[in-house]
Amino acid sequence: MTTVYTFDTTHHALWAEQVALELAAGAQVIPAPADADAKCDLALEVLDEDCGRLSQALDANRISYRIYSPVR
């Protein structure tokens, strides 16, 4: 399974991708889901098993993000 991170800026989305690459986390940039109400059109899809350490790294780098939770 995967988790989707959304961002307020393209800069944060691409910076988060770089952080994920440095962690060797399973992540890829995707279009932000239309119902995510994200300010940036990019999102980061991350393998669930990598979310904990990626979230910690993003927090440490002060990269603002939100975890997308689809409305069902």
N, C-alpha and C. Protein backbone atom coordinates (compact mmCIF):
# COMPACT_ATOMS: atom_id res chain seq x y z
N MET A 1 0.83 -1.18 0.00
CA MET A 1 0.00 0.00 0.00
C MET A 1 0.88 1.25 0.00
N THR A 2 0.25 2.36 -0.37
CA THR A 2 0.98 3.62 -0.43
C THR A 2 0.21 4.73 0.31
N THR A 3 0.96 5.76 0.63
CA THR A 3 0.42 6.97 1.25
C THR A 3 0.79 8.14 0.36
N VAL A 4 -0.09 9.12 0.27
CA VAL A 4 0.16 10.29 -0.56
C VAL A 4 0.37 11.52 0.33
N TYR A 5 1.49 12.18 0.12
CA TYR A 5 1.82 13.43 0.81
C TYR A 5 1.52 14.58 -0.14
N THR A 6 0.86 15.62 0.35
CA THR A 6 0.62 16.81 -0.46
C THR A 6 1.36 18.00 0.15
N PHE A 7 1.55 19.03 -0.67
CA PHE A 7 2.39 20.16 -0.28
C PHE A 7 1.75 21.48 -0.71
N ASP A 8 2.20 22.56 -0.10
CA ASP A 8 1.70 23.89 -0.46
C ASP A 8 2.48 24.50 -1.62
N THR A 9 3.69 24.03 -1.85
CA THR A 9 4.51 24.60 -2.92
C THR A 9 5.21 23.50 -3.71
N THR A 10 5.50 23.81 -4.96
CA THR A 10 6.27 22.89 -5.80
C THR A 10 7.66 22.68 -5.20
N HIS A 11 8.23 23.73 -4.65
CA HIS A 11 9.54 23.63 -4.02
C HIS A 11 9.54 22.56 -2.93
N HIS A 12 8.53 22.58 -2.07
CA HIS A 12 8.45 21.59 -0.99
C HIS A 12 8.25 20.18 -1.54
N ALA A 13 7.45 20.05 -2.58
CA ALA A 13 7.22 18.73 -3.17
C ALA A 13 8.52 18.15 -3.72
N LEU A 14 9.27 18.96 -4.44
CA LEU A 14 10.53 18.47 -5.03
C LEU A 14 11.61 18.28 -3.98
N TRP A 15 11.60 19.11 -2.95
CA TRP A 15 12.55 18.94 -1.84
C TRP A 15 12.23 17.64 -1.11
N ALA A 16 10.95 17.35 -0.90
CA ALA A 16 10.55 16.11 -0.25
C ALA A 16 10.98 14.90 -1.08
N GLU A 17 10.87 15.02 -2.40
CA GLU A 17 11.33 13.94 -3.26
C GLU A 17 12.83 13.70 -3.06
N GLN A 18 13.60 14.77 -2.97
CA GLN A 18 15.04 14.65 -2.75
C GLN A 18 15.34 13.98 -1.41
N VAL A 19 14.62 14.37 -0.37
CA VAL A 19 14.79 13.76 0.95
C VAL A 19 14.47 12.26 0.86
N ALA A 20 13.40 11.91 0.17
CA ALA A 20 13.03 10.50 0.01
C ALA A 20 14.12 9.73 -0.73
N LEU A 21 14.69 10.33 -1.77
CA LEU A 21 15.77 9.68 -2.50
C LEU A 21 16.99 9.44 -1.61
N GLU A 22 17.32 10.43 -0.78
CA GLU A 22 18.46 10.29 0.13
C GLU A 22 18.23 9.18 1.15
N LEU A 23 16.96 8.96 1.52
CA LEU A 23 16.62 7.88 2.46
C LEU A 23 16.48 6.53 1.78
N ALA A 24 16.55 6.53 0.44
CA ALA A 24 16.28 5.34 -0.36
C ALA A 24 14.88 4.82 -0.07
N ALA A 25 13.95 5.76 0.13
CA ALA A 25 12.55 5.41 0.38
C ALA A 25 11.86 5.19 -0.96
N GLY A 26 10.90 4.29 -0.95
CA GLY A 26 10.11 4.05 -2.15
C GLY A 26 9.11 5.18 -2.33
N ALA A 27 9.43 6.12 -3.21
CA ALA A 27 8.58 7.29 -3.40
C ALA A 27 8.66 7.77 -4.84
N GLN A 28 7.56 8.36 -5.31
CA GLN A 28 7.57 8.97 -6.63
C GLN A 28 6.62 10.17 -6.65
N VAL A 29 6.99 11.16 -7.45
CA VAL A 29 6.14 12.34 -7.62
C VAL A 29 4.98 11.97 -8.52
N ILE A 30 3.78 12.39 -8.10
CA ILE A 30 2.56 12.15 -8.86
C ILE A 30 1.73 13.44 -8.89
N PRO A 31 0.74 13.53 -9.77
CA PRO A 31 -0.16 14.68 -9.69
C PRO A 31 -0.95 14.63 -8.38
N ALA A 32 -1.15 15.76 -7.77
CA ALA A 32 -1.94 15.81 -6.54
C ALA A 32 -3.38 15.41 -6.86
N PRO A 33 -3.99 14.59 -6.01
CA PRO A 33 -5.38 14.22 -6.24
C PRO A 33 -6.27 15.47 -6.28
N ALA A 34 -7.23 15.48 -7.17
CA ALA A 34 -8.09 16.65 -7.35
C ALA A 34 -8.83 17.03 -6.07
N ASP A 35 -9.22 16.05 -5.27
CA ASP A 35 -9.98 16.34 -4.05
C ASP A 35 -9.09 16.56 -2.83
N ALA A 36 -7.78 16.69 -3.04
CA ALA A 36 -6.85 16.87 -1.92
C ALA A 36 -6.82 18.31 -1.42
N ASP A 37 -7.37 19.24 -2.18
CA ASP A 37 -7.36 20.66 -1.81
C ASP A 37 -5.93 21.14 -1.54
N ALA A 38 -4.98 20.61 -2.34
CA ALA A 38 -3.58 20.99 -2.19
C ALA A 38 -3.31 22.27 -2.98
N LYS A 39 -2.42 23.09 -2.48
CA LYS A 39 -2.06 24.33 -3.18
C LYS A 39 -1.08 24.05 -4.32
N CYS A 40 -0.40 22.93 -4.25
CA CYS A 40 0.57 22.53 -5.27
C CYS A 40 -0.02 21.36 -6.06
N ASP A 41 0.26 21.33 -7.36
CA ASP A 41 -0.28 20.27 -8.21
C ASP A 41 0.53 18.97 -8.15
N LEU A 42 1.60 18.97 -7.36
CA LEU A 42 2.43 17.77 -7.23
C LEU A 42 2.22 17.15 -5.85
N ALA A 43 2.33 15.84 -5.80
CA ALA A 43 2.25 15.10 -4.55
C ALA A 43 3.34 14.04 -4.57
N LEU A 44 3.54 13.40 -3.44
CA LEU A 44 4.55 12.35 -3.34
C LEU A 44 3.86 11.09 -2.84
N GLU A 45 3.91 10.04 -3.65
CA GLU A 45 3.34 8.75 -3.28
C GLU A 45 4.47 7.91 -2.67
N VAL A 46 4.23 7.41 -1.46
CA VAL A 46 5.29 6.76 -0.69
C VAL A 46 4.81 5.39 -0.21
N LEU A 47 5.69 4.41 -0.28
CA LEU A 47 5.36 3.10 0.28
C LEU A 47 5.09 3.25 1.77
N ASP A 48 4.03 2.60 2.25
CA ASP A 48 3.64 2.73 3.65
C ASP A 48 4.78 2.43 4.62
N GLU A 49 5.60 1.45 4.29
CA GLU A 49 6.68 1.08 5.22
C GLU A 49 7.76 2.16 5.35
N ASP A 50 7.77 3.12 4.44
CA ASP A 50 8.75 4.20 4.49
C ASP A 50 8.19 5.51 5.07
N CYS A 51 6.90 5.54 5.37
CA CYS A 51 6.26 6.78 5.81
C CYS A 51 6.80 7.31 7.13
N GLY A 52 7.03 6.46 8.09
CA GLY A 52 7.50 6.92 9.40
C GLY A 52 8.82 7.66 9.31
N ARG A 53 9.79 7.06 8.67
CA ARG A 53 11.10 7.71 8.59
C ARG A 53 11.10 8.90 7.64
N LEU A 54 10.25 8.86 6.58
CA LEU A 54 10.17 10.01 5.70
C LEU A 54 9.51 11.19 6.43
N SER A 55 8.44 10.93 7.16
CA SER A 55 7.78 12.01 7.92
C SER A 55 8.76 12.64 8.91
N GLN A 56 9.55 11.81 9.59
CA GLN A 56 10.55 12.33 10.53
C GLN A 56 11.57 13.21 9.80
N ALA A 57 12.02 12.77 8.64
CA ALA A 57 13.01 13.53 7.87
C ALA A 57 12.41 14.83 7.35
N LEU A 58 11.17 14.79 6.90
CA LEU A 58 10.52 16.02 6.43
C LEU A 58 10.35 17.00 7.57
N ASP A 59 9.94 16.50 8.74
CA ASP A 59 9.81 17.36 9.92
C ASP A 59 11.15 17.97 10.30
N ALA A 60 12.20 17.16 10.27
CA ALA A 60 13.54 17.65 10.62
C ALA A 60 14.01 18.74 9.66
N ASN A 61 13.59 18.64 8.40
CA ASN A 61 13.95 19.64 7.39
C ASN A 61 12.95 20.78 7.30
N ARG A 62 11.95 20.75 8.16
CA ARG A 62 10.88 21.77 8.19
C ARG A 62 10.18 21.92 6.85
N ILE A 63 9.91 20.77 6.24
CA ILE A 63 9.15 20.74 5.00
C ILE A 63 7.69 20.51 5.37
N SER A 64 6.84 21.48 5.06
CA SER A 64 5.42 21.36 5.37
C SER A 64 4.75 20.37 4.43
N TYR A 65 3.92 19.51 4.98
CA TYR A 65 3.21 18.51 4.18
C TYR A 65 1.91 18.14 4.89
N ARG A 66 1.05 17.50 4.14
CA ARG A 66 -0.16 16.90 4.70
C ARG A 66 -0.28 15.50 4.13
N ILE A 67 -0.83 14.61 4.92
CA ILE A 67 -1.12 13.26 4.44
C ILE A 67 -2.52 13.30 3.84
N TYR A 68 -2.62 12.89 2.59
CA TYR A 68 -3.90 12.89 1.90
C TYR A 68 -4.72 11.70 2.36
N SER A 69 -5.94 11.97 2.78
CA SER A 69 -6.89 10.94 3.16
C SER A 69 -8.10 11.07 2.24
N PRO A 70 -8.25 10.16 1.30
CA PRO A 70 -9.37 10.29 0.36
C PRO A 70 -10.71 10.16 1.09
N VAL A 71 -11.67 10.92 0.62
CA VAL A 71 -13.02 10.85 1.17
C VAL A 71 -13.69 9.66 0.51
N ARG A 72 -14.24 8.80 1.33
CA ARG A 72 -14.87 7.58 0.78
C ARG A 72 -16.35 7.60 1.00
